Protein backbone atom coordinates (compact mmCIF):
# COMPACT_ATOMS: atom_id res chain seq x y z
CA MET A 1 -89.45 54.24 -14.98
CA LEU A 2 -88.70 53.06 -11.44
CA CYS A 3 -88.95 49.45 -12.59
CA ILE A 4 -86.56 50.05 -15.49
CA ALA A 5 -84.08 51.83 -13.20
CA LEU A 6 -84.09 48.90 -10.73
CA ILE A 7 -83.51 46.41 -13.56
CA ALA A 8 -80.63 48.54 -14.90
CA VAL A 9 -79.00 48.74 -11.45
CA ASN A 10 -79.20 44.92 -11.06
CA VAL A 11 -77.71 44.31 -14.50
CA ILE A 12 -74.83 46.73 -13.89
CA SER A 13 -74.14 45.30 -10.41
CA ASN A 14 -73.92 41.79 -11.88
CA MET A 15 -71.49 42.97 -14.55
CA PHE A 16 -69.22 44.90 -12.18
CA TYR A 17 -68.69 42.86 -9.01
CA LYS A 18 -66.41 44.29 -6.33
CA ARG A 19 -65.68 43.47 -2.70
CA PHE A 20 -64.58 46.21 -0.32
CA ASP A 21 -62.44 45.62 2.78
CA LEU A 22 -63.39 48.35 5.24
CA THR A 23 -61.36 46.96 8.17
CA THR A 24 -58.54 49.19 9.45
CA ASP A 25 -55.99 46.34 9.38
CA LYS A 26 -57.12 45.08 5.92
CA ARG A 27 -57.46 41.57 7.27
CA TYR A 28 -59.67 40.49 4.35
CA THR A 29 -57.37 41.86 1.66
CA LEU A 30 -55.24 39.04 0.33
CA SER A 31 -51.55 39.78 -0.08
CA ALA A 32 -49.94 39.89 -3.50
CA SER A 33 -47.99 36.69 -2.68
CA ALA A 34 -51.17 34.76 -1.86
CA LEU A 35 -52.89 36.04 -5.00
CA ASP A 36 -49.89 35.00 -7.11
CA ILE A 37 -50.10 31.43 -5.77
CA ILE A 38 -53.77 30.92 -6.68
CA LYS A 39 -54.08 32.98 -9.86
CA ASP A 40 -53.20 30.10 -12.21
CA VAL A 41 -55.10 27.36 -10.38
CA ASN A 42 -57.35 25.86 -13.09
CA SER A 43 -58.71 22.78 -11.32
CA PRO A 44 -60.47 22.56 -7.95
CA ILE A 45 -58.63 22.87 -4.66
CA VAL A 46 -61.04 21.28 -2.19
CA ILE A 47 -60.61 22.31 1.44
CA ASP A 48 -62.21 20.42 4.32
CA VAL A 49 -62.14 22.49 7.50
CA PHE A 50 -62.75 20.61 10.74
CA LEU A 51 -63.20 23.72 12.84
CA GLU A 52 -66.91 23.11 13.27
CA GLY A 53 -69.09 22.38 16.28
CA GLU A 54 -71.59 23.77 18.74
CA ASP A 55 -69.56 23.60 21.95
CA PHE A 56 -66.82 26.01 20.90
CA PRO A 57 -65.72 28.72 23.32
CA SER A 58 -66.62 32.14 21.98
CA GLU A 59 -62.94 32.85 21.17
CA PHE A 60 -62.75 29.83 18.86
CA ARG A 61 -66.06 30.67 17.23
CA ARG A 62 -64.24 33.86 16.28
CA LEU A 63 -61.43 31.81 14.71
CA GLN A 64 -64.05 29.75 12.89
CA ASN A 65 -65.68 32.89 11.45
CA GLU A 66 -62.34 34.44 10.47
CA THR A 67 -61.36 31.20 8.70
CA LYS A 68 -64.64 31.17 6.79
CA GLN A 69 -64.31 34.81 5.75
CA LEU A 70 -60.71 34.33 4.61
CA LEU A 71 -61.65 31.31 2.50
CA GLU A 72 -64.51 33.33 0.99
CA GLU A 73 -61.87 35.85 -0.13
CA PHE A 74 -59.85 33.08 -1.77
CA THR A 75 -63.00 31.75 -3.45
CA ALA A 76 -63.99 35.22 -4.67
CA THR A 77 -60.57 35.49 -6.33
CA ASN A 78 -60.58 32.01 -7.87
CA LYS A 79 -63.76 29.94 -8.15
CA ASN A 80 -61.70 26.74 -8.22
CA ILE A 81 -61.13 27.07 -4.48
CA VAL A 82 -63.97 25.21 -2.78
CA PHE A 83 -64.34 24.75 0.95
CA ASN A 84 -66.56 22.86 3.37
CA PHE A 85 -66.83 23.02 7.15
CA ILE A 86 -67.17 19.56 8.70
CA ASN A 87 -67.84 18.55 12.29
CA PRO A 88 -66.07 15.17 12.74
CA LEU A 89 -67.56 14.79 16.24
CA GLU A 90 -71.19 15.46 15.35
CA ASP A 91 -72.33 11.84 15.00
CA GLU A 92 -71.88 9.97 18.27
CA SER A 93 -71.80 6.60 16.46
CA THR A 94 -68.74 7.55 14.39
CA ARG A 95 -67.13 10.01 16.80
CA GLU A 96 -64.37 7.73 18.14
CA ARG A 97 -63.56 6.31 14.72
CA ASN A 98 -63.27 9.77 13.18
CA MET A 99 -61.04 10.97 16.01
CA GLN A 100 -58.75 7.97 15.52
CA GLN A 101 -58.54 8.41 11.74
CA LEU A 102 -57.79 12.11 11.97
CA THR A 103 -55.17 11.58 14.68
CA GLN A 104 -53.45 8.92 12.55
CA ARG A 105 -53.17 11.51 9.76
CA GLY A 106 -51.38 13.86 12.14
CA LEU A 107 -54.44 16.03 12.88
CA THR A 108 -54.20 15.96 16.64
CA PRO A 109 -57.25 17.14 18.62
CA MET A 110 -57.14 20.09 20.99
CA GLN A 111 -58.85 20.17 24.37
CA LEU A 112 -60.24 23.52 25.43
CA SER A 113 -61.54 24.97 28.66
CA VAL A 114 -64.89 26.65 28.08
CA GLN A 115 -65.76 29.48 30.49
CA GLU A 116 -69.31 30.69 29.92
CA SER A 117 -72.05 31.90 32.28
CA GLY A 118 -69.63 31.49 35.16
CA LYS A 119 -69.31 27.74 34.53
CA SER A 120 -66.30 25.76 33.32
CA SER A 121 -66.44 22.80 30.95
CA GLN A 122 -64.22 20.98 28.46
CA ALA A 123 -64.53 20.78 24.69
CA VAL A 124 -62.54 18.90 22.04
CA ILE A 125 -61.90 20.44 18.61
CA PHE A 126 -59.82 19.61 15.54
CA PRO A 127 -58.21 22.92 14.49
CA TRP A 128 -57.08 21.61 11.11
CA ALA A 129 -57.94 21.73 7.43
CA LEU A 130 -57.16 19.33 4.60
CA ALA A 131 -56.56 20.79 1.14
CA SER A 132 -56.64 18.46 -1.89
CA TYR A 133 -55.54 19.24 -5.44
CA ASN A 134 -54.96 16.87 -8.37
CA GLY A 135 -54.67 13.82 -6.11
CA GLN A 136 -52.39 15.49 -3.54
CA THR A 137 -53.44 16.42 0.00
CA VAL A 138 -51.75 18.65 2.57
CA THR A 139 -52.65 19.40 6.16
CA ILE A 140 -53.12 23.03 7.21
CA PRO A 141 -52.90 23.94 10.92
CA LEU A 142 -55.41 26.57 12.01
CA VAL A 143 -54.13 27.14 15.55
CA LYS A 144 -50.81 28.84 16.23
CA ASN A 145 -49.50 27.67 19.60
CA LYS A 146 -47.45 29.85 21.90
CA ILE A 147 -46.14 28.97 25.35
CA GLY A 148 -48.06 30.66 28.15
CA ALA A 149 -50.69 32.17 25.84
CA THR A 150 -54.29 32.50 27.00
CA GLN A 151 -57.08 31.21 24.75
CA GLN A 152 -57.72 34.75 23.52
CA GLU A 153 -54.02 35.27 22.73
CA LEU A 154 -53.99 31.86 21.05
CA VAL A 155 -56.87 32.87 18.78
CA THR A 156 -55.29 36.25 18.01
CA ASN A 157 -52.04 34.52 17.01
CA SER A 158 -53.97 31.98 14.96
CA VAL A 159 -56.06 34.56 13.08
CA GLN A 160 -52.90 36.47 12.26
CA HIS A 161 -51.36 33.24 10.93
CA LEU A 162 -54.34 32.10 8.84
CA GLU A 163 -53.50 33.66 5.49
CA TYR A 164 -49.92 32.38 5.64
CA ALA A 165 -51.12 28.89 6.65
CA PHE A 166 -53.51 28.58 3.68
CA ALA A 167 -51.18 30.29 1.19
CA ASP A 168 -48.37 27.98 2.29
CA GLY A 169 -50.62 24.93 1.85
CA PHE A 170 -51.75 26.07 -1.59
CA SER A 171 -48.14 26.72 -2.58
CA LYS A 172 -47.12 23.18 -1.67
CA LEU A 173 -49.97 21.84 -3.81
CA THR A 174 -49.60 24.04 -6.87
CA LYS A 175 -45.97 25.18 -7.09
CA PRO A 176 -43.35 22.65 -8.21
CA LYS A 177 -40.13 22.35 -6.25
CA ARG A 178 -37.35 24.50 -7.69
CA ARG A 179 -34.77 25.21 -5.01
CA LYS A 180 -32.04 22.77 -3.96
CA ILE A 181 -30.56 22.48 -0.47
CA ALA A 182 -27.27 20.80 0.46
CA ILE A 183 -26.87 19.30 3.93
CA LEU A 184 -23.14 19.54 4.61
CA LYS A 185 -21.33 16.40 5.72
CA GLY A 186 -17.70 15.55 6.36
CA ASN A 187 -17.01 17.74 9.40
CA GLN A 188 -18.73 15.47 11.90
CA GLN A 189 -22.09 17.20 11.68
CA LEU A 190 -25.17 15.71 13.34
CA GLU A 191 -26.13 12.23 12.21
CA ASP A 192 -29.07 11.98 9.81
CA LYS A 193 -31.38 10.54 12.46
CA TYR A 194 -31.00 13.68 14.59
CA ILE A 195 -32.04 16.03 11.79
CA ALA A 196 -34.57 13.65 10.23
CA ASP A 197 -37.72 15.49 11.29
CA PHE A 198 -36.59 18.85 9.97
CA VAL A 199 -35.23 17.41 6.71
CA LYS A 200 -38.56 15.64 6.19
CA LYS A 201 -40.38 18.96 6.66
CA LEU A 202 -38.03 20.71 4.22
CA GLY A 203 -38.67 17.96 1.68
CA ALA A 204 -42.22 19.26 1.19
CA TYR A 205 -40.77 22.49 -0.23
CA TYR A 206 -37.32 21.82 -1.64
CA TYR A 207 -34.99 19.21 -3.09
CA ILE A 208 -32.61 17.95 -0.40
CA ALA A 209 -29.24 16.23 -0.84
CA PRO A 210 -26.19 15.51 1.33
CA PHE A 211 -22.96 17.19 0.29
CA THR A 212 -19.50 16.36 1.55
CA LEU A 213 -16.46 18.60 1.39
CA ASP A 214 -14.07 15.64 1.46
CA SER A 215 -13.32 16.02 -2.25
CA VAL A 216 -11.83 19.48 -1.62
CA ALA A 217 -8.49 17.86 -0.80
CA SER A 218 -8.20 16.21 -4.22
CA ASN A 219 -10.22 18.45 -6.54
CA PRO A 220 -11.32 21.75 -4.97
CA GLN A 221 -12.43 23.34 -8.26
CA ASN A 222 -14.88 20.54 -9.00
CA THR A 223 -16.16 20.71 -5.42
CA LEU A 224 -16.79 24.44 -5.79
CA LYS A 225 -18.57 23.89 -9.09
CA ALA A 226 -20.74 21.17 -7.54
CA ILE A 227 -21.72 23.17 -4.45
CA ASN A 228 -22.61 26.21 -6.57
CA ALA A 229 -25.45 24.16 -8.03
CA PHE A 230 -27.25 24.42 -4.67
CA ASP A 231 -29.28 27.43 -3.58
CA LEU A 232 -28.68 26.89 0.14
CA ILE A 233 -26.27 24.98 2.35
CA ILE A 234 -27.00 23.89 5.93
CA SER A 235 -24.25 22.98 8.36
CA ALA A 236 -25.84 21.35 11.40
CA LYS A 237 -23.50 21.31 14.39
CA PRO A 238 -20.06 20.55 12.89
CA THR A 239 -17.60 19.21 15.46
CA GLU A 240 -14.49 18.78 13.29
CA ALA A 241 -12.45 21.81 12.23
CA PHE A 242 -12.71 23.05 8.65
CA THR A 243 -9.55 23.17 6.56
CA GLU A 244 -8.51 26.36 4.80
CA ALA A 245 -9.36 24.79 1.45
CA GLU A 246 -12.86 23.90 2.66
CA LYS A 247 -13.36 27.43 3.98
CA LEU A 248 -12.29 28.91 0.63
CA VAL A 249 -14.87 26.76 -1.16
CA LEU A 250 -17.56 27.90 1.27
CA ASP A 251 -16.41 31.51 0.97
CA GLN A 252 -16.56 31.44 -2.83
CA TYR A 253 -19.97 29.76 -2.65
CA THR A 254 -21.12 32.85 -0.71
CA MET A 255 -19.39 35.16 -3.19
CA ASN A 256 -21.45 33.52 -5.96
CA GLY A 257 -24.67 34.41 -4.15
CA GLY A 258 -25.18 31.15 -2.26
CA LYS A 259 -27.30 31.27 0.91
CA SER A 260 -26.28 29.46 4.08
CA LEU A 261 -27.64 28.42 7.46
CA TRP A 262 -25.03 27.77 10.13
CA LEU A 263 -25.77 26.06 13.45
CA VAL A 264 -22.47 26.17 15.31
CA ASP A 265 -21.31 25.31 18.83
CA ALA A 266 -18.25 27.19 20.09
CA VAL A 267 -18.30 25.07 23.27
CA ALA A 268 -18.14 21.27 23.41
CA MET A 269 -20.76 20.15 25.90
CA GLU A 270 -23.62 17.64 25.57
CA LYS A 271 -26.53 17.15 27.95
CA ASP A 272 -26.33 13.37 27.44
CA SER A 273 -22.77 13.37 28.76
CA LEU A 274 -24.09 14.35 32.20
CA TYR A 275 -26.11 11.17 32.59
CA ASN A 276 -23.29 9.20 34.18
CA ALA A 277 -22.41 7.99 37.65
CA THR A 278 -21.06 11.36 38.79
CA GLY A 279 -23.55 13.55 36.90
CA THR A 280 -20.72 15.87 35.83
CA ASN A 281 -18.67 16.74 32.76
CA TYR A 282 -16.39 19.51 31.55
CA ALA A 283 -17.35 22.12 28.99
CA ILE A 284 -14.41 23.16 26.82
CA SER A 285 -14.11 25.53 23.88
CA ARG A 286 -14.38 24.00 20.42
CA ASP A 287 -12.16 25.36 17.64
CA LEU A 288 -13.77 24.84 14.24
CA ASN A 289 -11.32 27.18 12.49
CA LEU A 290 -14.27 29.42 11.57
CA THR A 291 -13.49 32.47 13.73
CA ASP A 292 -11.96 34.52 10.90
CA PHE A 293 -14.65 33.23 8.54
CA PHE A 294 -17.56 34.65 10.53
CA PHE A 295 -15.54 37.67 11.72
CA LYS A 296 -15.09 38.86 8.15
CA TYR A 297 -18.83 38.56 7.58
CA GLY A 298 -19.63 40.58 10.71
CA VAL A 299 -20.29 38.18 13.61
CA ARG A 300 -18.27 36.46 16.31
CA ILE A 301 -19.39 33.38 18.25
CA ASN A 302 -17.77 33.55 21.68
CA PRO A 303 -16.87 30.41 23.66
CA TYR A 304 -19.15 31.31 26.57
CA MET A 305 -22.07 29.24 27.78
CA VAL A 306 -25.26 31.25 28.15
CA SER A 307 -26.99 30.62 31.47
CA THR A 308 -30.40 32.12 32.18
CA LEU A 309 -33.24 31.92 34.68
CA TYR A 310 -35.78 31.78 31.85
CA SER A 311 -35.09 28.35 30.45
CA ALA A 312 -36.58 24.95 29.65
CA PRO A 313 -36.54 22.42 32.50
CA ILE A 314 -34.46 19.28 32.65
CA THR A 315 -36.23 16.02 33.57
CA LEU A 316 -34.44 13.77 36.05
CA ALA A 317 -35.37 10.65 37.99
CA MET A 318 -35.32 11.62 41.69
CA GLY A 319 -35.39 9.02 44.44
CA GLN A 320 -34.18 5.46 44.90
CA GLY A 321 -35.22 2.32 43.04
CA SER A 322 -38.94 1.81 42.58
CA GLN A 323 -39.63 4.98 44.57
CA SER A 324 -37.93 7.22 42.00
CA GLN A 325 -40.05 9.72 40.11
CA PHE A 326 -39.40 11.91 37.11
CA GLN A 327 -39.33 15.59 38.00
CA HIS A 328 -39.03 18.71 35.86
CA LEU A 329 -36.29 20.83 37.40
CA LYS A 330 -34.87 24.27 36.67
CA TRP A 331 -31.90 24.06 34.31
CA PRO A 332 -30.24 27.35 33.31
CA TYR A 333 -28.29 25.89 30.37
CA SER A 334 -31.40 25.42 28.18
CA PRO A 335 -32.31 29.02 27.34
CA LEU A 336 -35.71 29.81 25.89
CA ALA A 337 -35.15 32.46 23.23
CA GLY A 338 -37.66 34.76 21.60
CA SER A 339 -37.90 38.06 19.79
CA SER A 340 -39.95 41.23 19.95
CA SER A 341 -39.21 41.89 16.27
CA ASN A 342 -41.88 41.71 13.57
CA HIS A 343 -39.38 40.25 11.11
CA PRO A 344 -41.14 37.50 9.10
CA ILE A 345 -38.80 34.79 10.43
CA VAL A 346 -39.70 35.40 14.08
CA ASN A 347 -42.99 37.31 14.03
CA ASN A 348 -45.63 35.55 16.16
CA LEU A 349 -43.15 32.74 16.91
CA ASN A 350 -43.24 30.34 19.84
CA LEU A 351 -40.20 30.25 22.15
CA VAL A 352 -37.19 28.36 20.78
CA ARG A 353 -35.26 26.00 23.03
CA PHE A 354 -31.45 25.98 23.02
CA ASP A 355 -29.00 23.69 24.84
CA PHE A 356 -25.62 25.00 25.97
CA ALA A 357 -25.93 27.96 23.64
CA ASN A 358 -23.14 30.47 23.05
CA GLN A 359 -23.12 34.24 22.75
CA ILE A 360 -22.94 36.10 19.42
CA ASP A 361 -21.38 39.53 18.99
CA THR A 362 -22.16 41.59 15.90
CA LEU A 363 -19.34 43.62 14.35
CA LYS A 364 -19.40 46.82 12.34
CA ASN A 365 -19.22 46.40 8.57
CA SER A 366 -21.42 46.99 5.54
CA ILE A 367 -23.56 43.90 6.12
CA LYS A 368 -27.10 44.43 7.44
CA LYS A 369 -27.57 42.47 10.68
CA THR A 370 -30.91 41.50 12.21
CA ILE A 371 -31.02 39.87 15.63
CA LEU A 372 -33.51 37.03 15.29
CA LEU A 373 -33.41 35.39 18.71
CA GLU A 374 -32.13 36.49 22.10
CA THR A 375 -32.38 35.38 25.71
CA ALA A 376 -34.42 36.96 28.48
CA PRO A 377 -32.63 39.76 30.41
CA LEU A 378 -31.77 37.60 33.45
CA THR A 379 -28.70 36.02 31.90
CA LYS A 380 -25.06 35.40 32.72
CA LEU A 381 -22.09 34.20 30.67
CA GLU A 382 -19.88 31.34 31.83
CA GLY A 383 -16.41 30.89 30.37
CA THR A 384 -14.67 27.63 29.58
CA PRO A 385 -13.24 25.26 30.62
CA ARG A 386 -15.90 24.76 33.27
CA GLU A 387 -17.33 21.83 35.19
CA VAL A 388 -21.06 21.32 34.64
CA SER A 389 -22.94 19.24 37.18
CA LEU A 390 -26.52 18.03 37.54
CA GLU A 391 -26.29 19.04 41.21
CA LEU A 392 -27.03 22.54 39.97
CA VAL A 393 -30.76 21.67 39.96
CA THR A 394 -30.71 21.37 43.76
CA LYS A 395 -29.19 24.82 44.31
CA GLU A 396 -31.06 28.09 44.55
CA GLN A 397 -29.88 30.54 41.90
CA ASP A 398 -29.13 34.14 42.85
CA PRO A 399 -30.97 36.44 40.40
CA LYS A 400 -28.40 39.17 41.03
CA ALA A 401 -25.74 37.01 39.34
CA PHE A 402 -27.75 36.99 36.12
CA ASN A 403 -26.95 40.55 35.16
CA LYS A 404 -25.67 40.40 31.58
CA GLY A 405 -28.98 41.30 29.95
CA ASN A 406 -30.31 39.94 26.67
CA GLN A 407 -27.79 37.82 24.79
CA THR A 408 -27.93 37.29 21.02
CA LEU A 409 -28.26 33.67 19.92
CA ALA A 410 -29.24 33.94 16.23
CA VAL A 411 -28.42 36.59 13.61
CA LEU A 412 -29.47 37.22 10.01
CA LEU A 413 -26.83 38.73 7.71
CA GLU A 414 -27.83 40.35 4.42
CA GLY A 415 -25.94 42.27 1.77
CA GLU A 416 -22.79 42.11 -0.33
CA PHE A 417 -20.18 40.12 1.59
CA ASN A 418 -16.43 40.70 1.37
CA SER A 419 -14.39 37.57 0.80
CA VAL A 420 -12.57 36.09 3.79
CA TYR A 421 -9.60 35.48 1.51
CA SER A 422 -9.40 38.92 -0.04
CA ASN A 423 -5.70 39.97 -0.07
CA ARG A 424 -4.70 36.69 1.53
CA VAL A 425 -2.72 33.70 0.33
CA LYS A 426 -5.22 31.13 -0.88
CA PRO A 427 -4.92 27.39 -0.20
CA PHE A 428 -5.57 26.62 -3.90
CA LYS A 429 -5.73 28.58 -7.13
CA LEU A 430 -9.14 29.80 -8.26
CA THR A 431 -10.12 30.01 -11.91
CA GLN A 432 -12.47 32.85 -10.98
CA ASP A 433 -11.62 34.70 -7.78
CA LYS A 434 -14.49 36.81 -6.43
CA THR A 435 -13.79 39.25 -3.61
CA ILE A 436 -17.25 40.82 -3.28
CA SER A 437 -20.38 38.71 -3.33
CA GLN A 438 -23.62 39.10 -5.15
CA PRO A 439 -26.39 40.25 -2.75
CA THR A 440 -27.04 37.24 -0.55
CA LYS A 441 -28.10 36.12 2.93
CA MET A 442 -26.75 34.04 5.79
CA ILE A 443 -28.12 33.01 9.19
CA VAL A 444 -25.81 32.14 12.07
CA ILE A 445 -27.16 30.32 15.14
CA ALA A 446 -24.90 29.80 18.15
CA ASP A 447 -26.14 26.30 19.01
CA GLY A 448 -26.28 23.15 16.93
CA ASP A 449 -28.92 21.52 19.13
CA VAL A 450 -31.62 23.87 17.85
CA ILE A 451 -32.03 21.54 14.84
CA LYS A 452 -31.63 18.29 16.78
CA ASN A 453 -34.71 16.11 17.32
CA ASP A 454 -34.94 13.59 20.15
CA MET A 455 -35.21 9.87 19.52
CA ALA A 456 -37.65 7.38 21.03
CA GLN A 457 -37.57 3.66 20.23
CA ASN A 458 -35.00 4.48 17.56
CA LYS A 459 -37.46 6.77 15.77
CA PRO A 460 -37.10 10.55 15.45
CA LEU A 461 -39.58 12.64 17.42
CA GLU A 462 -40.92 15.95 16.20
CA LEU A 463 -38.32 18.69 16.35
CA GLY A 464 -38.95 20.93 19.36
CA PHE A 465 -41.11 18.35 21.17
CA ASP A 466 -40.12 17.54 24.75
CA ARG A 467 -41.48 14.06 25.44
CA TRP A 468 -41.04 14.52 29.21
CA THR A 469 -43.10 17.68 29.60
CA GLY A 470 -45.29 17.33 26.49
CA GLN A 471 -44.30 20.87 25.52
CA THR A 472 -43.58 21.75 21.88
CA TYR A 473 -41.15 24.60 21.33
CA GLY A 474 -40.81 26.73 18.22
CA ASN A 475 -37.58 25.18 16.89
CA LYS A 476 -39.04 23.64 13.74
CA GLU A 477 -41.11 26.65 12.81
CA PHE A 478 -38.17 28.99 13.38
CA LEU A 479 -35.82 26.95 11.19
CA LEU A 480 -38.44 26.47 8.48
CA ASN A 481 -39.14 30.21 8.47
CA ALA A 482 -35.39 30.83 8.29
CA VAL A 483 -34.96 28.56 5.25
CA ASN A 484 -38.08 29.95 3.58
CA TYR A 485 -36.81 33.49 4.08
CA LEU A 486 -33.37 32.67 2.71
CA LEU A 487 -34.86 31.03 -0.39
CA ASP A 488 -38.21 32.77 -0.75
CA ASP A 489 -38.52 34.33 -4.19
CA ASN A 490 -42.29 34.96 -4.18
CA GLY A 491 -42.56 36.82 -0.89
CA LEU A 492 -44.75 34.18 0.77
CA ILE A 493 -42.86 34.41 4.07
CA ASN A 494 -43.62 38.15 4.25
CA ILE A 495 -47.30 37.38 4.88
CA ARG A 496 -46.22 36.56 8.43
CA THR A 497 -45.68 40.24 9.18
CA LYS A 498 -49.36 41.03 8.69
CA GLU A 499 -50.79 42.39 11.94
CA ILE A 500 -54.45 41.77 12.77
CA ALA A 501 -56.16 43.17 15.85
CA ILE A 502 -58.89 40.97 17.31
CA ALA A 503 -61.27 42.40 19.92
CA PHE A 504 -62.79 39.99 22.45
CA LEU A 505 -65.55 40.31 24.99
CA ASN A 506 -64.53 40.23 28.64
CA GLN A 507 -65.98 36.93 29.87
CA GLN A 508 -65.62 37.85 33.56
CA LYS A 509 -67.44 41.10 32.97
CA ILE A 510 -70.15 39.27 31.06
CA THR A 511 -70.67 36.91 34.00
CA ASP A 512 -70.68 39.69 36.59
CA GLN A 513 -73.01 42.04 34.67
CA LYS A 514 -75.17 39.48 32.84
CA THR A 515 -78.39 40.23 34.77
CA LYS A 516 -77.94 43.98 34.49
CA TRP A 517 -77.61 43.93 30.69
CA GLN A 518 -80.41 41.42 30.28
CA LEU A 519 -82.73 43.78 32.18
CA ILE A 520 -81.53 46.76 30.13
CA ASN A 521 -82.01 44.92 26.82
CA ILE A 522 -85.49 43.63 27.76
CA LEU A 523 -87.01 46.35 29.95
CA LEU A 524 -85.55 49.49 28.35
CA PRO A 525 -87.16 48.90 24.92
CA LEU A 526 -90.52 48.18 26.64
CA LEU A 527 -90.16 51.30 28.78
CA LEU A 528 -89.34 53.45 25.76
CA LEU A 529 -92.24 51.94 23.83
CA GLY A 530 -94.58 52.67 26.76
CA VAL A 531 -93.39 56.29 27.03
CA PHE A 532 -93.80 56.74 23.27
CA GLY A 533 -97.34 55.28 23.40
CA PHE A 534 -98.32 57.46 26.32
CA VAL A 535 -96.99 60.65 24.68
CA PHE A 536 -98.54 59.73 21.34
CA ASN A 537 -102.01 59.13 22.88
CA TYR A 538 -101.76 62.28 25.00
CA LEU A 539 -100.94 64.45 22.00
CA ARG A 540 -103.61 62.74 19.90
CA LYS A 541 -106.32 63.32 22.53
CA LYS A 542 -105.22 66.92 23.04
CA ARG A 543 -105.36 67.60 19.32
CA TYR A 544 -108.71 66.02 18.63
CA ALA A 545 -110.44 66.67 22.01
CA SER A 546 -112.30 69.67 20.64
């Protein structure tokens, strides 16, 4: 009977297979968005994970294990997801060649400091994965960088980001492009070369096309019809004022449910303009004729420059002739902005660098407003016109002057917008005049340079990368998250709000108390065994002595 019962249990367990996630944060329970992406995958997605090796710090072994367990969850859901862990540095004879090949593919290595047994050493890892499907391959980053983060914080951020990273990679492989984005031209926006890196990144998700408003002057109705074919418009640092007819087209685009991303400077000032003989220039307000436009929607961009003590440095050549050296100096006009919010756009986000940013006020109306990015508290506002000089780097700043607190630099607007031209004379006649929009979204950022990539040898560098300091800021990730949120119809971006708590051992405590715990783990069991043997023999002799 026992044998039959065991056989029955095995048969039933094979028929009804179920995995249980007993963790408090449900880290191994895949989100509905991730499940939706892989449910219809009917041919293999092969994933090569390079997070493998023997010299990993304990924190990164944790990341390795979490990656493996997450992929096991994907595989348990769909058997067409196959993964392998590969150590590209294992074979000394091919080590250098493998490193070179991976680096050429954009999989840059990461150098780690290993602190174990009170000793410090260095290790090189490749925290990347390659996912291939039907002849296509995408790279998946496994480490989520954050300025000033310790290795433990880095791993915590990375583990929290894992599901989104893999789901995003799978989505790019399996989901065809559907959404269309228009990059606005015609109002002296940034040249293509300065937005090239971000547009290239967007191209992996969406169809991209330039769109000019020049035709508004001759045929505004056709222009409105054409722009309504796009799901999102991006205006990257316009410097020429918009006409009333252009604003009406943009307003009616919003009324029809169109999404928009605005990167606007209310002050005309460029860092490059300071690199002259005098090292000075004047910052003046810039009128784009958009004040009433944004005011009606619930925000106001003020013509103040935001100056803060928590900012990115400026790199200048100090000294004369051949003795000059590049130095990274404090520069209050490049604020580093972050957020304590868990909103999916900014959750677990690296600091975003601004240049000559302006202040945003939010106004009371029916639109829901979410502050996405703001400065550190030690901030002051400087009106225009104002002279800006590079000599500022040689002066000691008084912290007491920076007393304006956190300043808003980026805002998300959501809801049903009221038309800017409601109850107003319109610059041209509309065949269909809408005064209240369909539910839609808009993001306003008070600095056009957030989207601007640097150039080197006439080639665009990665957005957010500072070639002088080697630091990479969160500009590209922030903007990509913003676009994904505005256009996301499958909830993929919401995976970013998932919170995972990772517990680590205290390495300093391990080093200090290593001998003590070794003695406890070795001697205590022997001592207990000896006491048990002594008591057992004593009782045995006492019982059977007679």
